[in-house]
Amino acid sequence: MRFSTLLLFSLISFVSFSQEDIYSPDLAMESLPDSIYYPYSFQQPVKSSSRLLDSVYYLLYSPDQTSWENYQNISYDYNEQGKLTTINTSLWDSGLSIWAAYSKEERVYEDNNRLSNIVSSKWSAISANWELSSRREYYYNASSLLDHYLVFSWNVITSGWDSLSMYSYLFDGNNNLINYKRQYWLSDSSGFINDYQFLYEYADNKKSAMTRMKWDTSQHSWNNQNHSSYDYNADLLSSEIQSKWDNNTTDWVPSSLITYSYSDFDNPIEKKYQSWDGLQWNNVVKYEYSYNEQLQNTLIQYFIWDNSIWNVNTRYIYEYDLYEDLVSEESHNWKDNSWHYYDRLEYYYSAELSAGHPDPGKSIQVFPNPFRDALTIILAEKSTKVNIDIYSLAGIKLYSYSTYNSSFVIKLQNLPDGIYLLKISGSGFNYTGKIIRRK
């Protein structure tokens, strides 16, 4: 559920979906796993191994070429503690068949590994250099929870940072977020002015309500806008009622209902949206979820209600490797009674092994990495046939090899120094990763 999902939500915006989805507090930098950060997903993939996310490739399907075409690439660098330090984004130049630098995000941490600063830059083809764009500064309370962060934009005229906005957080004694507020900088008054805020309520340490309010600059007061109330079955969210504030009646008016269904393993299997017409709830859209034996999400199907039946519209397919890490997401649109490819995300992780010796505890061993002239590959289980392919970062296949052995050596002394994509596939398994040749 990524870039295509963003388009999807724009198509069904007539439903009053939760404003929290759109304006939710930006806790992502702190609450999400440090090794995962990419722009298109609303939800993080299940990551079972200790590998760090190395790069993500975003591809669009070309019906004319009947093939996947490169569009965007995001690569990640980390410090010795495994904290994300740099995110590099490149766009595919189809004319030159190369990845062209687009943006860069650099992160700085305090001595205790808390995020301190994020500086973003854009690549300028004119100056052939990185040009500063924006900056965030993070500050924490005595409990090491995020207290607020400041956003600045780079002023090319003054060669300095201009204040833009401030986002503040307030937590209760159980570390539950109870207030999130955005303020913007007003240069005329040299201060921050209220913009909007969220108020959260809890029952039994579970979120029970959320209210979004907008600041009225003329009245100098907060005005209600949206409200969500949450119900649970045991510890699982079962429903959410979303309402809009009616200034005429000075009361909340229901607008939409979201209901959740779960499997015996507490995995979501359905999420259904309904709209209120003043008399009853009416179906609008729903998602259905499927899982593999490891309880990983493998399929999400999106349906639109058409008077009396659910019509499938889009599906999202997820694939995992032997480490149980997500390696690809793919979306298809239903049209003319068949599925049509739309977009695809491919995930590549850092190699688990870097030493020059095997590790018997791994199901697939690739070593040494980096390598000089040859790679050793060992499979924990025999396969009928194993295919090994090596690609450049531009997606060009440079090497291909097949074998029926579970242990083998491939000689790669003709490859120039650099980073390459390694793909290993066999009966019932797929492995993807990056290898480095260094003489």
Protein backbone atom coordinates (compact mmCIF):
# COMPACT_ATOMS: atom_id res chain seq x y z
CA MET A 1 0.00 0.00 0.00
CA ARG A 2 2.19 2.73 -1.30
CA PHE A 3 2.24 5.37 -4.00
CA SER A 4 -0.57 3.56 -5.82
CA THR A 5 -2.56 3.61 -2.60
CA LEU A 6 -2.16 7.36 -2.40
CA LEU A 7 -3.83 7.59 -5.79
CA LEU A 8 -6.41 5.10 -4.62
CA PHE A 9 -7.40 7.23 -1.64
CA SER A 10 -7.81 10.26 -3.87
CA LEU A 11 -10.37 8.34 -5.90
CA ILE A 12 -12.49 7.54 -2.87
CA SER A 13 -12.11 10.83 -1.03
CA PHE A 14 -15.88 11.30 -0.96
CA VAL A 15 -15.84 9.11 2.12
CA SER A 16 -14.89 10.94 5.30
CA PHE A 17 -11.81 8.92 6.09
CA SER A 18 -9.95 9.59 9.28
CA GLN A 19 -8.17 12.92 9.26
CA GLU A 20 -5.64 11.18 11.47
CA ASP A 21 -4.53 9.23 8.40
CA ILE A 22 -3.72 12.48 6.64
CA TYR A 23 -2.45 14.65 9.49
CA SER A 24 -1.21 12.03 11.91
CA PRO A 25 1.65 13.00 14.22
CA ASP A 26 4.97 12.50 12.54
CA LEU A 27 6.46 10.07 15.02
CA ALA A 28 7.76 7.91 12.20
CA MET A 29 11.38 8.89 12.62
CA GLU A 30 11.43 7.58 16.18
CA SER A 31 8.81 4.83 16.40
CA LEU A 32 9.47 2.89 13.20
CA PRO A 33 12.33 0.38 12.99
CA ASP A 34 15.61 2.22 12.43
CA SER A 35 16.53 -0.03 9.52
CA ILE A 36 13.36 0.66 7.53
CA TYR A 37 12.39 3.97 5.99
CA TYR A 38 10.93 4.45 2.53
CA PRO A 39 8.46 6.93 1.14
CA TYR A 40 5.62 4.91 -0.34
CA SER A 41 4.37 2.50 2.31
CA PHE A 42 1.74 3.30 4.91
CA GLN A 43 2.67 0.20 6.85
CA GLN A 44 6.08 -1.26 7.57
CA PRO A 45 6.89 -4.74 6.24
CA VAL A 46 7.51 -7.58 8.64
CA LYS A 47 11.27 -7.82 9.15
CA SER A 48 12.47 -10.98 10.83
CA SER A 49 16.23 -10.87 10.31
CA SER A 50 18.89 -8.50 11.59
CA ARG A 51 19.75 -7.34 8.10
CA LEU A 52 19.57 -3.62 7.36
CA LEU A 53 17.58 -2.31 4.44
CA ASP A 54 20.14 -1.44 1.78
CA SER A 55 18.03 -0.06 -1.06
CA VAL A 56 14.53 0.09 -2.53
CA TYR A 57 13.71 0.21 -6.23
CA TYR A 58 10.39 1.61 -7.37
CA LEU A 59 9.28 0.45 -10.83
CA LEU A 60 6.31 1.27 -13.03
CA TYR A 61 4.87 -1.17 -15.54
CA SER A 62 4.97 -0.15 -19.20
CA PRO A 63 2.12 -1.78 -21.16
CA ASP A 64 3.78 -0.70 -24.41
CA GLN A 65 7.05 -2.42 -23.54
CA THR A 66 5.30 -5.17 -21.51
CA SER A 67 8.04 -4.80 -18.92
CA TRP A 68 8.88 -3.14 -15.64
CA GLU A 69 10.63 0.20 -16.05
CA ASN A 70 12.92 1.83 -13.46
CA TYR A 71 11.51 4.97 -11.87
CA GLN A 72 13.06 5.68 -8.48
CA ASN A 73 15.80 4.26 -6.28
CA ILE A 74 16.36 4.89 -2.57
CA SER A 75 19.58 3.73 -0.89
CA TYR A 76 20.47 3.79 2.81
CA ASP A 77 23.66 4.20 4.87
CA TYR A 78 24.10 3.44 8.57
CA ASN A 79 26.55 4.16 11.37
CA GLU A 80 28.33 1.54 13.48
CA GLN A 81 25.30 1.29 15.79
CA GLY A 82 23.05 0.47 12.85
CA LYS A 83 21.30 3.85 12.96
CA LEU A 84 20.21 5.26 9.63
CA THR A 85 22.50 8.16 8.63
CA THR A 86 21.82 8.88 4.95
CA ILE A 87 18.96 8.37 2.51
CA ASN A 88 19.87 8.94 -1.13
CA THR A 89 17.11 9.19 -3.73
CA SER A 90 17.74 8.88 -7.46
CA LEU A 91 15.47 9.04 -10.48
CA TRP A 92 15.91 6.92 -13.57
CA ASP A 93 17.08 8.78 -16.70
CA SER A 94 15.71 6.61 -19.50
CA GLY A 95 17.53 8.65 -22.15
CA LEU A 96 20.96 7.99 -20.63
CA SER A 97 19.98 4.69 -18.94
CA ILE A 98 21.48 5.82 -15.64
CA TRP A 99 20.30 6.73 -12.16
CA ALA A 100 20.38 10.51 -11.70
CA ALA A 101 20.79 11.96 -8.20
CA TYR A 102 17.65 13.71 -6.95
CA SER A 103 17.67 14.25 -3.17
CA LYS A 104 19.62 13.40 -0.04
CA GLU A 105 18.67 13.22 3.63
CA GLU A 106 21.39 13.21 6.29
CA ARG A 107 20.73 12.34 9.93
CA VAL A 108 22.73 13.28 13.02
CA TYR A 109 22.33 11.58 16.40
CA GLU A 110 23.09 12.58 19.98
CA ASP A 111 25.59 10.59 22.03
CA ASN A 112 22.70 8.47 23.36
CA ASN A 113 21.69 7.63 19.75
CA ARG A 114 18.60 9.85 19.80
CA LEU A 115 17.85 11.58 16.52
CA SER A 116 19.04 15.18 16.67
CA ASN A 117 18.97 16.67 13.17
CA ILE A 118 17.80 15.83 9.67
CA VAL A 119 19.17 17.92 6.81
CA SER A 120 17.67 17.51 3.33
CA SER A 121 19.34 18.56 0.08
CA LYS A 122 18.37 18.55 -3.59
CA TRP A 123 20.76 17.84 -6.43
CA SER A 124 21.20 20.73 -8.87
CA ALA A 125 22.05 19.75 -12.42
CA ILE A 126 22.93 23.38 -13.12
CA SER A 127 25.55 23.75 -10.41
CA ALA A 128 26.35 20.02 -10.36
CA ASN A 129 26.22 20.15 -6.60
CA TRP A 130 24.00 19.44 -3.60
CA GLU A 131 21.90 22.42 -2.53
CA LEU A 132 20.41 22.67 0.96
CA SER A 133 16.63 22.41 1.14
CA SER A 134 15.25 21.87 4.65
CA ARG A 135 16.27 20.95 8.20
CA ARG A 136 14.62 19.43 11.28
CA GLU A 137 15.80 19.74 14.85
CA TYR A 138 14.49 17.26 17.47
CA TYR A 139 14.13 17.87 21.21
CA TYR A 140 13.13 15.44 23.95
CA ASN A 141 11.57 15.51 27.41
CA ALA A 142 12.97 14.06 30.63
CA SER A 143 11.50 10.65 29.72
CA SER A 144 13.39 10.68 26.40
CA LEU A 145 10.12 11.02 24.49
CA LEU A 146 9.92 13.45 21.60
CA ASP A 147 8.89 16.86 22.99
CA HIS A 148 8.94 18.89 19.79
CA TYR A 149 10.78 19.38 16.54
CA LEU A 150 11.45 22.49 14.48
CA VAL A 151 11.35 22.72 10.69
CA PHE A 152 13.50 25.17 8.73
CA SER A 153 13.91 25.98 5.04
CA TRP A 154 17.14 27.12 3.41
CA ASN A 155 17.17 30.72 2.21
CA VAL A 156 19.46 30.99 -0.81
CA ILE A 157 19.43 34.80 -0.61
CA THR A 158 20.58 35.10 2.99
CA SER A 159 22.42 31.76 2.99
CA GLY A 160 20.72 30.91 6.25
CA TRP A 161 17.88 28.89 7.74
CA ASP A 162 14.37 30.36 7.96
CA SER A 163 11.93 29.02 10.56
CA LEU A 164 8.85 27.30 9.10
CA SER A 165 6.96 25.34 11.72
CA MET A 166 7.05 23.58 15.08
CA TYR A 167 5.42 20.24 16.01
CA SER A 168 4.85 19.62 19.72
CA TYR A 169 4.00 16.43 21.64
CA LEU A 170 2.51 15.87 25.09
CA PHE A 171 2.28 12.47 26.78
CA ASP A 172 0.46 11.15 29.85
CA GLY A 173 2.00 9.14 32.69
CA ASN A 174 1.74 5.95 30.62
CA ASN A 175 3.66 7.56 27.73
CA ASN A 176 0.50 7.76 25.64
CA LEU A 177 0.36 10.71 23.26
CA ILE A 178 -2.43 13.02 24.44
CA ASN A 179 -1.72 16.17 22.44
CA TYR A 180 -0.04 16.86 19.12
CA LYS A 181 0.12 20.42 17.84
CA ARG A 182 1.41 22.14 14.74
CA GLN A 183 2.39 25.80 14.75
CA TYR A 184 3.76 27.85 11.88
CA TRP A 185 6.27 30.68 12.00
CA LEU A 186 4.95 34.18 11.43
CA SER A 187 7.88 36.37 10.51
CA ASP A 188 5.96 39.60 11.13
CA SER A 189 5.52 38.73 14.80
CA SER A 190 8.74 36.74 15.09
CA GLY A 191 6.87 33.90 16.74
CA PHE A 192 4.91 30.70 16.22
CA ILE A 193 1.15 30.81 15.55
CA ASN A 194 -1.20 27.89 16.21
CA ASP A 195 -2.35 25.91 13.16
CA TYR A 196 -4.03 22.65 14.20
CA GLN A 197 -3.90 20.11 17.01
CA PHE A 198 -5.00 16.58 17.93
CA LEU A 199 -6.36 15.63 21.33
CA TYR A 200 -6.27 11.95 22.35
CA GLU A 201 -8.23 10.11 25.03
CA TYR A 202 -7.52 6.67 26.48
CA ALA A 203 -9.41 3.94 28.36
CA ASP A 204 -7.55 0.99 29.86
CA ASN A 205 -4.42 2.37 28.19
CA LYS A 206 -6.02 2.04 24.73
CA LYS A 207 -6.85 5.01 22.51
CA SER A 208 -10.60 5.64 22.84
CA ALA A 209 -11.03 8.98 21.04
CA MET A 210 -9.24 11.51 18.87
CA THR A 211 -10.30 15.08 18.10
CA ARG A 212 -8.79 17.34 15.47
CA MET A 213 -9.10 21.08 16.03
CA LYS A 214 -8.19 24.06 13.84
CA TRP A 215 -7.03 27.41 15.21
CA ASP A 216 -9.24 30.40 14.39
CA THR A 217 -6.88 33.35 14.10
CA SER A 218 -9.69 35.91 14.13
CA GLN A 219 -11.36 34.51 17.27
CA HIS A 220 -8.13 33.32 18.87
CA SER A 221 -9.72 30.00 19.75
CA TRP A 222 -9.67 26.33 18.80
CA ASN A 223 -12.55 25.06 16.62
CA ASN A 224 -13.62 21.43 16.36
CA GLN A 225 -13.18 19.78 12.97
CA ASN A 226 -13.07 15.99 13.14
CA HIS A 227 -13.59 13.34 15.78
CA SER A 228 -12.94 9.58 15.92
CA SER A 229 -14.08 7.15 18.62
CA TYR A 230 -12.60 3.66 18.94
CA ASP A 231 -14.07 0.39 20.24
CA TYR A 232 -12.19 -2.80 21.03
CA ASN A 233 -12.82 -6.51 21.30
CA ALA A 234 -10.39 -7.49 24.04
CA ASP A 235 -7.18 -5.76 22.88
CA LEU A 236 -8.06 -5.64 19.17
CA LEU A 237 -9.53 -2.55 17.53
CA SER A 238 -13.00 -3.57 16.31
CA SER A 239 -14.52 -0.33 15.01
CA GLU A 240 -13.95 3.37 14.52
CA ILE A 241 -16.66 5.99 14.07
CA GLN A 242 -15.57 9.21 12.39
CA SER A 243 -17.58 12.42 12.75
CA LYS A 244 -17.48 16.00 11.51
CA TRP A 245 -18.31 19.06 13.54
CA ASP A 246 -21.54 20.86 12.57
CA ASN A 247 -21.35 24.56 13.43
CA ASN A 248 -25.12 24.95 13.02
CA THR A 249 -26.06 22.27 15.55
CA THR A 250 -22.80 22.64 17.51
CA ASP A 251 -22.56 18.88 17.63
CA TRP A 252 -20.69 15.98 16.06
CA VAL A 253 -22.34 14.42 12.98
CA PRO A 254 -21.34 10.83 12.08
CA SER A 255 -19.76 10.52 8.64
CA SER A 256 -18.05 7.14 8.36
CA LEU A 257 -17.61 3.81 10.11
CA ILE A 258 -14.59 1.52 9.88
CA THR A 259 -14.93 -2.06 11.12
CA TYR A 260 -12.14 -4.60 11.57
CA SER A 261 -12.20 -8.41 11.45
CA TYR A 262 -9.39 -10.70 12.57
CA SER A 263 -8.20 -14.28 12.13
CA ASP A 264 -7.73 -16.75 14.98
CA PHE A 265 -4.13 -15.50 15.12
CA ASP A 266 -5.28 -11.88 15.58
CA ASN A 267 -4.21 -10.85 12.09
CA PRO A 268 -6.51 -8.37 10.31
CA ILE A 269 -8.47 -10.13 7.57
CA GLU A 270 -10.92 -7.37 6.67
CA LYS A 271 -11.17 -3.60 7.01
CA LYS A 272 -14.49 -2.15 5.83
CA TYR A 273 -15.51 1.49 5.33
CA GLN A 274 -19.13 2.63 5.46
CA SER A 275 -20.71 6.09 5.13
CA TRP A 276 -23.64 7.52 7.09
CA ASP A 277 -26.59 8.94 5.09
CA GLY A 278 -28.52 10.19 8.10
CA LEU A 279 -30.49 6.97 8.53
CA GLN A 280 -28.13 4.03 8.10
CA TRP A 281 -24.58 2.93 7.35
CA ASN A 282 -23.86 2.13 3.67
CA ASN A 283 -20.98 0.09 2.29
CA VAL A 284 -18.32 2.02 0.38
CA VAL A 285 -14.98 0.19 0.20
CA LYS A 286 -13.13 -2.62 1.98
CA TYR A 287 -9.75 -4.36 2.18
CA GLU A 288 -9.24 -8.10 2.56
CA TYR A 289 -5.93 -9.56 3.85
CA SER A 290 -4.30 -12.96 3.29
CA TYR A 291 -1.26 -14.50 5.01
CA ASN A 292 1.29 -17.26 4.59
CA GLU A 293 2.20 -19.94 7.13
CA GLN A 294 4.57 -17.50 8.85
CA LEU A 295 1.57 -15.13 9.31
CA GLN A 296 3.09 -12.60 6.93
CA ASN A 297 0.79 -10.51 4.81
CA THR A 298 0.98 -11.86 1.24
CA LEU A 299 -2.10 -10.34 -0.40
CA ILE A 300 -4.33 -7.30 0.11
CA GLN A 301 -7.37 -6.90 -2.12
CA TYR A 302 -9.30 -3.66 -2.39
CA PHE A 303 -13.03 -3.71 -3.21
CA ILE A 304 -15.59 -1.02 -4.09
CA TRP A 305 -19.26 -1.45 -3.23
CA ASP A 306 -21.59 -1.28 -6.23
CA ASN A 307 -25.21 -1.17 -5.04
CA SER A 308 -25.43 -4.81 -4.00
CA ILE A 309 -22.05 -6.44 -4.64
CA TRP A 310 -18.37 -5.92 -3.89
CA ASN A 311 -16.28 -5.36 -7.02
CA VAL A 312 -12.56 -6.00 -6.78
CA ASN A 313 -10.51 -3.00 -7.90
CA THR A 314 -6.88 -3.41 -6.87
CA ARG A 315 -4.65 -6.04 -5.31
CA TYR A 316 -1.26 -5.83 -3.59
CA ILE A 317 1.04 -8.86 -3.59
CA TYR A 318 3.90 -9.26 -1.09
CA GLU A 319 6.82 -11.70 -1.38
CA TYR A 320 9.41 -12.68 1.25
CA ASP A 321 12.80 -14.36 1.18
CA LEU A 322 14.21 -17.19 3.29
CA TYR A 323 15.03 -14.69 6.02
CA GLU A 324 11.30 -13.86 6.10
CA ASP A 325 12.07 -10.29 5.03
CA LEU A 326 9.86 -8.52 2.53
CA VAL A 327 11.58 -8.47 -0.89
CA SER A 328 8.84 -7.14 -3.18
CA GLU A 329 5.46 -5.41 -3.28
CA GLU A 330 3.42 -5.34 -6.45
CA SER A 331 0.09 -3.70 -7.26
CA HIS A 332 -2.34 -4.76 -9.99
CA ASN A 333 -5.48 -3.02 -11.19
CA TRP A 334 -8.57 -4.98 -12.25
CA LYS A 335 -9.76 -3.87 -15.67
CA ASP A 336 -11.68 -5.55 -18.50
CA ASN A 337 -11.97 -8.77 -16.50
CA SER A 338 -8.23 -9.20 -15.99
CA TRP A 339 -5.41 -7.99 -13.78
CA HIS A 340 -3.05 -5.31 -15.09
CA TYR A 341 0.36 -4.57 -13.59
CA TYR A 342 0.77 -1.07 -12.17
CA ASP A 343 3.78 -0.56 -9.90
CA ARG A 344 6.35 -2.56 -7.95
CA LEU A 345 8.76 -2.09 -5.05
CA GLU A 346 11.86 -4.27 -4.65
CA TYR A 347 13.75 -4.39 -1.33
CA TYR A 348 17.43 -5.28 -0.97
CA TYR A 349 19.17 -5.87 2.32
CA SER A 350 22.73 -5.83 3.56
CA ALA A 351 24.43 -9.21 3.50
CA GLU A 352 24.28 -11.09 6.79
CA LEU A 353 27.80 -12.43 6.35
CA SER A 354 30.90 -10.35 5.83
CA ALA A 355 33.52 -12.76 7.14
CA GLY A 356 35.56 -15.09 4.98
CA HIS A 357 34.14 -18.25 6.53
CA PRO A 358 30.78 -20.06 6.59
CA ASP A 359 28.13 -19.86 9.31
CA PRO A 360 26.26 -23.18 9.65
CA GLY A 361 23.26 -21.46 11.26
CA LYS A 362 22.20 -19.71 8.04
CA SER A 363 19.84 -21.21 5.44
CA ILE A 364 21.75 -19.43 2.64
CA GLN A 365 25.40 -18.50 3.10
CA VAL A 366 27.19 -16.07 0.80
CA PHE A 367 30.80 -15.29 1.67
CA PRO A 368 33.11 -13.51 1.73
CA ASN A 369 31.37 -10.19 1.20
CA PRO A 370 33.10 -8.01 0.07
CA PHE A 371 34.95 -10.52 -2.14
CA ARG A 372 37.99 -10.35 -4.39
CA ASP A 373 37.69 -12.98 -7.12
CA ALA A 374 35.13 -15.59 -6.05
CA LEU A 375 32.01 -16.10 -3.95
CA THR A 376 31.12 -19.24 -2.03
CA ILE A 377 27.42 -20.08 -1.75
CA ILE A 378 26.08 -22.78 0.56
CA LEU A 379 22.44 -23.84 0.83
CA ALA A 380 21.20 -25.53 4.01
CA GLU A 381 18.86 -27.74 1.97
CA LYS A 382 19.24 -29.35 -1.43
CA SER A 383 17.26 -27.96 -4.32
CA THR A 384 16.42 -29.59 -7.64
CA LYS A 385 18.03 -26.67 -9.45
CA VAL A 386 19.61 -23.42 -8.31
CA ASN A 387 19.80 -20.31 -10.49
CA ILE A 388 22.28 -17.53 -9.73
CA ASP A 389 22.04 -14.17 -11.46
CA ILE A 390 24.11 -11.05 -10.89
CA TYR A 391 22.93 -7.62 -12.03
CA SER A 392 24.37 -4.13 -12.10
CA LEU A 393 22.54 -1.50 -10.04
CA ALA A 394 21.01 -0.35 -13.32
CA GLY A 395 19.34 -3.75 -13.67
CA ILE A 396 21.59 -5.15 -16.41
CA LYS A 397 22.27 -8.89 -16.09
CA LEU A 398 26.04 -9.46 -15.99
CA TYR A 399 26.33 -13.09 -14.90
CA SER A 400 24.13 -16.17 -14.91
CA TYR A 401 24.83 -19.65 -13.56
CA SER A 402 22.80 -22.79 -12.78
CA THR A 403 23.70 -25.82 -10.71
CA TYR A 404 22.18 -28.79 -8.90
CA ASN A 405 24.72 -28.62 -6.05
CA SER A 406 23.95 -27.20 -2.61
CA SER A 407 27.50 -25.87 -2.23
CA PHE A 408 29.46 -24.16 -4.98
CA VAL A 409 31.92 -21.39 -5.86
CA ILE A 410 31.39 -18.82 -8.60
CA LYS A 411 34.38 -16.97 -10.04
CA LEU A 412 33.77 -13.30 -10.70
CA GLN A 413 37.26 -11.94 -11.30
CA ASN A 414 36.11 -10.21 -14.49
CA LEU A 415 33.67 -7.95 -12.66
CA PRO A 416 34.92 -4.40 -12.02
CA ASP A 417 35.03 -3.20 -8.43
CA GLY A 418 31.59 -2.09 -7.26
CA ILE A 419 28.23 -3.09 -5.82
CA TYR A 420 26.03 -5.68 -7.54
CA LEU A 421 22.66 -7.33 -7.02
CA LEU A 422 22.74 -11.07 -6.33
CA LYS A 423 19.64 -13.19 -6.94
CA ILE A 424 19.48 -16.87 -5.99
CA SER A 425 16.36 -18.88 -6.77
CA GLY A 426 15.38 -22.51 -6.59
CA SER A 427 12.49 -24.79 -5.83
CA GLY A 428 10.40 -22.93 -3.25
CA PHE A 429 12.82 -20.14 -2.38
CA ASN A 430 14.14 -16.79 -3.54
CA TYR A 431 17.06 -14.79 -2.15
CA THR A 432 18.05 -11.23 -3.02
CA GLY A 433 20.96 -9.22 -1.68
CA LYS A 434 23.88 -7.02 -2.56
CA ILE A 435 27.46 -8.13 -3.02
CA ILE A 436 30.57 -5.98 -3.20
CA ARG A 437 33.64 -6.71 -5.31
CA ARG A 438 36.77 -5.14 -3.89
CA LYS A 439 40.21 -6.15 -5.14
